[in-house]
Amino acid sequence: MGDMLIRDLDPELKRQIEERSRRNRRSLSEEAIDLIRRGILVDQKGAARLGDRLRAIIGDVHFTDEELDAIAASRAEPDREPPSFA
């Protein structure tokens, strides 16, 4: 595998990539490679499918069991009345 040096990287952008790498439990290099790949795929596909576009935005974030349980419970709840703007 080859190496790449990125000069003049904005400190805020680096911080965001570091934060994302911690959240996804990857090394900084692995996260940067993933972001570059996603950017190239989106660019190549042009108007990608909605699911692919969302995945490019949120990355490999997964719901916790508690979040999935809350989603399942909310599906069983009756719909709320729409707000009245009168």
N, C-alpha and C. Protein backbone atom coordinates (compact mmCIF):
# COMPACT_ATOMS: atom_id res chain seq x y z
N MET A 1 0.84 -1.18 0.00
CA MET A 1 0.00 0.00 0.00
C MET A 1 0.88 1.24 0.00
N GLY A 2 0.44 2.25 -0.70
CA GLY A 2 1.18 3.50 -0.74
C GLY A 2 0.80 4.41 0.41
N ASP A 3 1.60 5.42 0.61
CA ASP A 3 1.35 6.42 1.64
C ASP A 3 1.02 7.74 0.97
N MET A 4 0.31 8.60 1.73
CA MET A 4 -0.03 9.92 1.23
C MET A 4 0.12 10.92 2.38
N LEU A 5 0.75 12.01 2.11
CA LEU A 5 0.90 13.09 3.08
C LEU A 5 -0.02 14.22 2.66
N ILE A 6 -0.83 14.69 3.59
CA ILE A 6 -1.73 15.81 3.29
C ILE A 6 -1.20 17.03 4.02
N ARG A 7 -0.77 18.02 3.26
CA ARG A 7 -0.22 19.24 3.85
C ARG A 7 -1.33 20.28 4.03
N ASP A 8 -1.08 21.20 4.96
CA ASP A 8 -1.96 22.34 5.22
C ASP A 8 -3.39 21.91 5.52
N LEU A 9 -3.55 20.84 6.28
CA LEU A 9 -4.87 20.37 6.68
C LEU A 9 -5.42 21.31 7.75
N ASP A 10 -6.61 21.79 7.52
CA ASP A 10 -7.26 22.69 8.47
C ASP A 10 -7.38 21.97 9.83
N PRO A 11 -6.95 22.60 10.92
CA PRO A 11 -7.00 21.95 12.24
C PRO A 11 -8.41 21.49 12.63
N GLU A 12 -9.42 22.25 12.26
CA GLU A 12 -10.80 21.86 12.59
C GLU A 12 -11.20 20.60 11.81
N LEU A 13 -10.80 20.51 10.56
CA LEU A 13 -11.10 19.32 9.77
C LEU A 13 -10.40 18.10 10.37
N LYS A 14 -9.15 18.27 10.78
CA LYS A 14 -8.42 17.17 11.42
C LYS A 14 -9.11 16.74 12.70
N ARG A 15 -9.56 17.70 13.49
CA ARG A 15 -10.26 17.39 14.74
C ARG A 15 -11.53 16.58 14.45
N GLN A 16 -12.26 16.98 13.41
CA GLN A 16 -13.49 16.27 13.06
C GLN A 16 -13.20 14.83 12.62
N ILE A 17 -12.14 14.64 11.86
CA ILE A 17 -11.78 13.29 11.42
C ILE A 17 -11.33 12.46 12.63
N GLU A 18 -10.57 13.07 13.55
CA GLU A 18 -10.15 12.36 14.76
C GLU A 18 -11.36 11.95 15.59
N GLU A 19 -12.31 12.87 15.74
CA GLU A 19 -13.51 12.57 16.51
C GLU A 19 -14.30 11.43 15.87
N ARG A 20 -14.42 11.50 14.55
CA ARG A 20 -15.14 10.46 13.82
C ARG A 20 -14.41 9.11 13.94
N SER A 21 -13.09 9.13 13.91
CA SER A 21 -12.33 7.87 14.02
C SER A 21 -12.52 7.25 15.40
N ARG A 22 -12.57 8.07 16.44
CA ARG A 22 -12.82 7.55 17.79
C ARG A 22 -14.22 6.95 17.87
N ARG A 23 -15.19 7.68 17.32
CA ARG A 23 -16.58 7.22 17.36
C ARG A 23 -16.74 5.88 16.61
N ASN A 24 -16.03 5.72 15.51
CA ASN A 24 -16.13 4.50 14.70
C ASN A 24 -15.09 3.45 15.09
N ARG A 25 -14.30 3.77 16.12
CA ARG A 25 -13.27 2.85 16.63
C ARG A 25 -12.31 2.41 15.53
N ARG A 26 -11.81 3.41 14.81
CA ARG A 26 -10.82 3.16 13.76
C ARG A 26 -9.63 4.07 14.00
N SER A 27 -8.53 3.73 13.36
CA SER A 27 -7.37 4.62 13.41
C SER A 27 -7.66 5.85 12.56
N LEU A 28 -6.88 6.88 12.76
CA LEU A 28 -7.05 8.10 11.97
C LEU A 28 -6.85 7.81 10.49
N SER A 29 -5.87 6.98 10.16
CA SER A 29 -5.62 6.62 8.76
C SER A 29 -6.79 5.84 8.17
N GLU A 30 -7.32 4.88 8.93
CA GLU A 30 -8.46 4.09 8.44
C GLU A 30 -9.67 4.98 8.18
N GLU A 31 -9.89 5.93 9.07
CA GLU A 31 -11.04 6.83 8.91
C GLU A 31 -10.86 7.72 7.70
N ALA A 32 -9.66 8.25 7.51
CA ALA A 32 -9.39 9.10 6.35
C ALA A 32 -9.58 8.32 5.05
N ILE A 33 -9.10 7.08 5.02
CA ILE A 33 -9.27 6.24 3.83
C ILE A 33 -10.75 6.01 3.56
N ASP A 34 -11.53 5.73 4.60
CA ASP A 34 -12.97 5.51 4.43
C ASP A 34 -13.65 6.76 3.87
N LEU A 35 -13.30 7.91 4.41
CA LEU A 35 -13.90 9.16 3.93
C LEU A 35 -13.54 9.44 2.48
N ILE A 36 -12.30 9.18 2.12
CA ILE A 36 -11.88 9.39 0.72
C ILE A 36 -12.63 8.43 -0.19
N ARG A 37 -12.73 7.16 0.21
CA ARG A 37 -13.47 6.18 -0.60
C ARG A 37 -14.92 6.60 -0.79
N ARG A 38 -15.56 7.02 0.30
CA ARG A 38 -16.96 7.44 0.22
C ARG A 38 -17.12 8.63 -0.72
N GLY A 39 -16.21 9.56 -0.62
CA GLY A 39 -16.27 10.73 -1.50
C GLY A 39 -16.12 10.36 -2.96
N ILE A 40 -15.22 9.44 -3.24
CA ILE A 40 -15.02 9.00 -4.63
C ILE A 40 -16.25 8.24 -5.12
N LEU A 41 -16.81 7.37 -4.29
CA LEU A 41 -17.99 6.62 -4.70
C LEU A 41 -19.17 7.53 -5.00
N VAL A 42 -19.39 8.51 -4.13
CA VAL A 42 -20.49 9.45 -4.35
C VAL A 42 -20.25 10.23 -5.63
N ASP A 43 -19.01 10.64 -5.85
CA ASP A 43 -18.67 11.39 -7.05
C ASP A 43 -18.88 10.54 -8.30
N GLN A 44 -18.49 9.28 -8.25
CA GLN A 44 -18.62 8.39 -9.40
C GLN A 44 -20.07 8.07 -9.71
N LYS A 45 -20.87 7.90 -8.69
CA LYS A 45 -22.27 7.52 -8.88
C LYS A 45 -23.14 8.70 -9.25
N GLY A 46 -22.66 9.89 -8.98
CA GLY A 46 -23.48 11.06 -9.26
C GLY A 46 -24.68 11.08 -8.34
N ALA A 47 -25.85 11.01 -8.91
CA ALA A 47 -27.09 11.00 -8.13
C ALA A 47 -27.31 9.59 -7.59
N ALA A 48 -26.69 9.30 -6.47
CA ALA A 48 -26.78 7.97 -5.88
C ALA A 48 -28.15 7.76 -5.26
N ARG A 49 -28.43 6.52 -4.92
CA ARG A 49 -29.69 6.22 -4.25
C ARG A 49 -29.71 6.90 -2.88
N LEU A 50 -30.89 7.16 -2.38
CA LEU A 50 -31.04 7.87 -1.12
C LEU A 50 -30.31 7.16 0.02
N GLY A 51 -30.46 5.85 0.12
CA GLY A 51 -29.78 5.11 1.18
C GLY A 51 -28.28 5.26 1.13
N ASP A 52 -27.72 5.24 -0.06
CA ASP A 52 -26.27 5.42 -0.22
C ASP A 52 -25.85 6.82 0.19
N ARG A 53 -26.67 7.80 -0.17
CA ARG A 53 -26.35 9.18 0.18
C ARG A 53 -26.41 9.37 1.69
N LEU A 54 -27.41 8.77 2.34
CA LEU A 54 -27.50 8.86 3.80
C LEU A 54 -26.32 8.17 4.46
N ARG A 55 -25.93 7.00 3.96
CA ARG A 55 -24.79 6.28 4.52
C ARG A 55 -23.51 7.09 4.38
N ALA A 56 -23.37 7.82 3.27
CA ALA A 56 -22.20 8.66 3.07
C ALA A 56 -22.16 9.79 4.11
N ILE A 57 -23.33 10.23 4.53
CA ILE A 57 -23.39 11.32 5.50
C ILE A 57 -23.14 10.80 6.92
N ILE A 58 -23.83 9.73 7.31
CA ILE A 58 -23.74 9.28 8.70
C ILE A 58 -22.66 8.24 8.94
N GLY A 59 -22.12 7.67 7.90
CA GLY A 59 -21.06 6.68 8.07
C GLY A 59 -21.60 5.37 8.59
N ASP A 60 -20.79 4.64 9.31
CA ASP A 60 -21.15 3.33 9.82
C ASP A 60 -21.68 3.40 11.25
N VAL A 61 -22.53 4.37 11.50
CA VAL A 61 -23.13 4.52 12.82
C VAL A 61 -24.21 3.46 12.97
N HIS A 62 -24.23 2.80 14.10
CA HIS A 62 -25.22 1.77 14.35
C HIS A 62 -26.06 2.16 15.56
N PHE A 63 -27.35 1.79 15.54
CA PHE A 63 -28.22 2.05 16.67
C PHE A 63 -27.88 1.10 17.81
N THR A 64 -28.05 1.59 19.04
CA THR A 64 -27.89 0.73 20.20
C THR A 64 -29.17 -0.11 20.35
N ASP A 65 -29.11 -1.14 21.18
CA ASP A 65 -30.30 -1.96 21.42
C ASP A 65 -31.42 -1.11 22.01
N GLU A 66 -31.07 -0.18 22.90
CA GLU A 66 -32.08 0.68 23.51
C GLU A 66 -32.76 1.56 22.46
N GLU A 67 -31.97 2.10 21.53
CA GLU A 67 -32.54 2.93 20.47
C GLU A 67 -33.45 2.11 19.57
N LEU A 68 -33.05 0.89 19.24
CA LEU A 68 -33.90 0.03 18.41
C LEU A 68 -35.20 -0.32 19.13
N ASP A 69 -35.11 -0.57 20.44
CA ASP A 69 -36.32 -0.85 21.22
C ASP A 69 -37.25 0.35 21.24
N ALA A 70 -36.69 1.55 21.38
CA ALA A 70 -37.51 2.77 21.39
C ALA A 70 -38.18 2.98 20.03
N ILE A 71 -37.47 2.70 18.96
CA ILE A 71 -38.05 2.83 17.61
C ILE A 71 -39.19 1.84 17.44
N ALA A 72 -38.97 0.59 17.86
CA ALA A 72 -40.02 -0.43 17.75
C ALA A 72 -41.24 -0.04 18.58
N ALA A 73 -41.02 0.48 19.79
CA ALA A 73 -42.14 0.89 20.64
C ALA A 73 -42.90 2.06 20.02
N SER A 74 -42.19 2.99 19.40
CA SER A 74 -42.87 4.15 18.82
C SER A 74 -43.73 3.76 17.63
N ARG A 75 -43.39 2.67 16.97
CA ARG A 75 -44.19 2.21 15.82
C ARG A 75 -45.56 1.70 16.28
N ALA A 76 -45.65 1.23 17.52
CA ALA A 76 -46.91 0.72 18.04
C ALA A 76 -47.80 1.82 18.60
N GLU A 77 -47.25 3.02 18.79
CA GLU A 77 -48.03 4.12 19.34
C GLU A 77 -48.98 4.69 18.29
N PRO A 78 -50.15 5.18 18.74
CA PRO A 78 -51.06 5.82 17.77
C PRO A 78 -50.45 7.13 17.27
N ASP A 79 -50.84 7.49 16.05
CA ASP A 79 -50.35 8.75 15.50
C ASP A 79 -50.90 9.92 16.29
N ARG A 80 -50.11 10.98 16.39
CA ARG A 80 -50.57 12.18 17.08
C ARG A 80 -51.43 13.00 16.14
N GLU A 81 -52.28 13.80 16.72
CA GLU A 81 -53.06 14.75 15.93
C GLU A 81 -52.12 15.81 15.39
N PRO A 82 -52.32 16.24 14.16
CA PRO A 82 -51.47 17.32 13.64
C PRO A 82 -51.72 18.61 14.41
N PRO A 83 -50.72 19.46 14.52
CA PRO A 83 -50.91 20.72 15.26
C PRO A 83 -51.90 21.63 14.54
N SER A 84 -52.58 22.43 15.33
CA SER A 84 -53.54 23.40 14.77
C SER A 84 -52.85 24.75 14.71
N PHE A 85 -52.85 25.36 13.55
CA PHE A 85 -52.22 26.66 13.37
C PHE A 85 -53.27 27.77 13.25
N ALA A 86 -54.49 27.46 13.64
CA ALA A 86 -55.56 28.46 13.51
C ALA A 86 -55.54 29.45 14.63
